[in-house]
C-alpha atoms as a PDB file:
ATOM      1  CA  MET A   1     114.621  79.754 102.792  1.00  0.00           C
ATOM      2  CA  ARG A   2     115.764  76.178 102.242  1.00  0.00           C
ATOM      3  CA  LYS A   3     113.090  74.901 104.608  1.00  0.00           C
ATOM      4  CA  ALA A   4     110.403  76.915 102.845  1.00  0.00           C
ATOM      5  CA  LEU A   5     111.534  75.761  99.408  1.00  0.00           C
ATOM      6  CA  ALA A   6     111.673  72.134 100.534  1.00  0.00           C
ATOM      7  CA  ARG A   7     107.913  72.242 101.103  1.00  0.00           C
ATOM      8  CA  VAL A   8     107.203  73.810  97.698  1.00  0.00           C
ATOM      9  CA  GLU A   9     106.616  71.643  94.648  1.00  0.00           C
ATOM     10  CA  GLY A  10     107.519  72.651  91.126  1.00  0.00           C
ATOM     11  CA  GLU A  11     110.087  75.063  89.767  1.00  0.00           C
ATOM     12  CA  VAL A  12     107.501  77.763  89.026  1.00  0.00           C
ATOM     13  CA  GLU A  13     106.351  77.858  92.634  1.00  0.00           C
ATOM     14  CA  LYS A  14     109.940  77.785  93.899  1.00  0.00           C
ATOM     15  CA  ASP A  15     110.770  80.775  91.715  1.00  0.00           C
ATOM     16  CA  ALA A  16     107.758  82.689  93.028  1.00  0.00           C
ATOM     17  CA  VAL A  17     108.596  81.909  96.656  1.00  0.00           C
ATOM     18  CA  THR A  18     112.210  82.948  96.082  1.00  0.00           C
ATOM     19  CA  VAL A  19     111.229  86.315  94.592  1.00  0.00           C
ATOM     20  CA  ALA A  20     108.762  87.019  97.415  1.00  0.00           C
ATOM     21  CA  ALA A  21     111.355  86.044 100.040  1.00  0.00           C
ATOM     22  CA  LEU A  22     114.031  88.246  98.464  1.00  0.00           C
ATOM     23  CA  VAL A  23     111.707  91.255  98.398  1.00  0.00           C
ATOM     24  CA  LEU A  24     110.849  90.657 102.038  1.00  0.00           C
ATOM     25  CA  TYR A  25     114.536  90.277 102.944  1.00  0.00           C
ATOM     26  CA  LYS A  26     115.478  93.488 101.067  1.00  0.00           C
ATOM     27  CA  THR A  27     112.801  95.432 102.911  1.00  0.00           C
ATOM     28  CA  LEU A  28     113.815  94.056 106.301  1.00  0.00           C
ATOM     29  CA  VAL A  29     117.474  94.889 105.648  1.00  0.00           C
ATOM     30  CA  LYS A  30     116.550  98.458 104.665  1.00  0.00           C
ATOM     31  CA  ASN A  31     114.803  98.822 108.022  1.00  0.00           C
ATOM     32  CA  ALA A  32     117.316  96.919 110.159  1.00  0.00           C
ATOM     33  CA  GLU A  33     118.411 100.058 112.006  1.00  0.00           C
ATOM     34  CA  THR A  34     114.852 100.681 113.188  1.00  0.00           C
ATOM     35  CA  TYR A  35     114.517  97.109 114.448  1.00  0.00           C
ATOM     36  CA  GLY A  36     117.896  97.413 116.181  1.00  0.00           C
ATOM     37  CA  LYS A  37     116.882 100.606 118.005  1.00  0.00           C
ATOM     38  CA  TRP A  38     113.649  98.976 119.112  1.00  0.00           C
ATOM     39  CA  VAL A  39     115.504  95.925 120.470  1.00  0.00           C
ATOM     40  CA  GLU A  40     117.851  98.162 122.484  1.00  0.00           C
ATOM     41  CA  LEU A  41     114.945 100.092 123.994  1.00  0.00           C
ATOM     42  CA  TYR A  42     113.049  96.877 124.719  1.00  0.00           C
ATOM     43  CA  ARG A  43     116.034  95.378 126.558  1.00  0.00           C
ATOM     44  CA  TRP A  44     116.518  98.606 128.503  1.00  0.00           C
ATOM     45  CA  ALA A  45     112.847  98.647 129.540  1.00  0.00           C
ATOM     46  CA  ARG A  46     112.951  94.966 130.528  1.00  0.00           C
ATOM     47  CA  SER A  47     115.927  95.647 132.806  1.00  0.00           C
ATOM     48  CA  LEU A  48     113.909  98.338 134.615  1.00  0.00           C
ATOM     49  CA  VAL A  49     111.017  96.008 135.290  1.00  0.00           C
ATOM     50  CA  GLU A  50     113.274  93.865 137.458  1.00  0.00           C
ATOM     51  CA  GLU A  51     113.707  96.809 139.861  1.00  0.00           C
ATOM     52  CA  PRO A  52     111.087  97.389 142.599  1.00  0.00           C
ATOM     53  CA  GLU A  53     110.991 101.103 141.685  1.00  0.00           C
ATOM     54  CA  PHE A  54     112.331 103.043 138.743  1.00  0.00           C
ATOM     55  CA  THR A  55     112.118 106.433 137.060  1.00  0.00           C
ATOM     56  CA  VAL A  56     111.941 107.132 133.338  1.00  0.00           C
ATOM     57  CA  ALA A  57     112.767 110.559 131.931  1.00  0.00           C
ATOM     58  CA  ALA A  58     110.289 112.197 129.589  1.00  0.00           C
ATOM     59  CA  GLY A  59     112.966 112.240 126.863  1.00  0.00           C
ATOM     60  CA  LYS A  60     113.295 108.472 127.054  1.00  0.00           C
ATOM     61  CA  ILE A  61     109.538 108.064 126.771  1.00  0.00           C
ATOM     62  CA  ARG A  62     109.615 110.308 123.689  1.00  0.00           C
ATOM     63  CA  GLU A  63     112.420 108.165 122.233  1.00  0.00           C
ATOM     64  CA  ILE A  64     110.398 104.999 122.822  1.00  0.00           C
ATOM     65  CA  HIS A  65     107.352 106.576 121.195  1.00  0.00           C
ATOM     66  CA  GLU A  66     109.332 107.772 118.160  1.00  0.00           C
ATOM     67  CA  THR A  67     111.032 104.407 117.730  1.00  0.00           C
ATOM     68  CA  HIS A  68     107.694 102.662 118.007  1.00  0.00           C
ATOM     69  CA  ASN A  69     106.354 104.867 115.206  1.00  0.00           C
ATOM     70  CA  GLU A  70     109.434 104.099 113.096  1.00  0.00           C
ATOM     71  CA  LEU A  71     108.849 100.399 113.724  1.00  0.00           C
ATOM     72  CA  ARG A  72     105.219 100.700 112.631  1.00  0.00           C
ATOM     73  CA  ASN A  73     106.333 102.505 109.463  1.00  0.00           C
ATOM     74  CA  ALA A  74     108.900  99.794 108.751  1.00  0.00           C
ATOM     75  CA  ALA A  75     106.257  97.097 109.189  1.00  0.00           C
ATOM     76  CA  GLY A  76     103.995  99.024 106.818  1.00  0.00           C
ATOM     77  CA  LYS A  77     106.780  99.089 104.226  1.00  0.00           C
ATOM     78  CA  VAL A  78     107.253  95.326 104.556  1.00  0.00           C
ATOM     79  CA  ILE A  79     103.539  94.750 103.991  1.00  0.00           C
ATOM     80  CA  GLU A  80     103.541  97.207 101.070  1.00  0.00           C
ATOM     81  CA  GLU A  81     106.475  95.473  99.347  1.00  0.00           C
ATOM     82  CA  VAL A  82     105.026  91.984  99.771  1.00  0.00           C
ATOM     83  CA  ASN A  83     101.628  93.161  98.535  1.00  0.00           C
ATOM     84  CA  SER A  84     103.256  94.714  95.461  1.00  0.00           C
ATOM     85  CA  VAL A  85     104.884  91.370  94.616  1.00  0.00           C
ATOM     86  CA  LEU A  86     101.561  89.607  95.078  1.00  0.00           C
ATOM     87  CA  ALA A  87      99.851  92.201  92.875  1.00  0.00           C
ATOM     88  CA  LEU A  88     102.429  91.674  90.137  1.00  0.00           C
ATOM     89  CA  TYR A  89     101.873  87.930  90.252  1.00  0.00           C
ATOM     90  CA  SER A  90      98.101  88.352  90.155  1.00  0.00           C
ATOM     91  CA  GLN A  91      98.386  90.420  86.938  1.00  0.00           C
ATOM     92  CA  SER A  92     100.877  88.191  85.142  1.00  0.00           C
ATOM     93  CA  ASP A  93     100.516  85.327  82.684  1.00  0.00           C
ATOM     94  CA  PHE A  94     102.415  83.350  85.292  1.00  0.00           C
ATOM     95  CA  TYR A  95      99.457  83.648  87.658  1.00  0.00           C
ATOM     96  CA  LYS A  96      96.914  82.756  84.979  1.00  0.00           C
ATOM     97  CA  LYS A  97      98.754  79.468  84.451  1.00  0.00           C
ATOM     98  CA  ASN A  98      99.001  78.879  88.232  1.00  0.00           C
ATOM     99  CA  PRO A  99      95.882  80.399  89.846  1.00  0.00           C
ATOM    100  CA  ASP A 100      96.366  78.654  93.196  1.00  0.00           C
ATOM    101  CA  LEU A 101      99.893  80.051  93.592  1.00  0.00           C
ATOM    102  CA  LEU A 102      98.753  83.449  94.871  1.00  0.00           C
ATOM    103  CA  ASP A 103      96.946  81.847  97.812  1.00  0.00           C
ATOM    104  CA  LYS A 104     100.018  79.762  98.585  1.00  0.00           C
ATOM    105  CA  LEU A 105     102.262  82.815  98.511  1.00  0.00           C
ATOM    106  CA  LYS A 106      99.946  84.715 100.847  1.00  0.00           C
END
């Protein structure tokens, strides 16, 4: 966050970047469990690839598929939250005074 803010000029832009970053952070935290499950499954799968032969149970494949769907849903929520912040900025007086800010936030 500090690195991102260091590149931003003006208090108005810094405020906008901070709000967008906090919304993104909140959404990622809400979905942390999904990302954690995916990381575990990814590491497990990577360990199998090192073996010349391996077997995967159908239940494990189902678990991978379900976790992948959860991950896609979490990513969709992140995009939805960020887009809602951008939409709020685009409709505000704040945006009218700083029309180039929306492109910078994107």
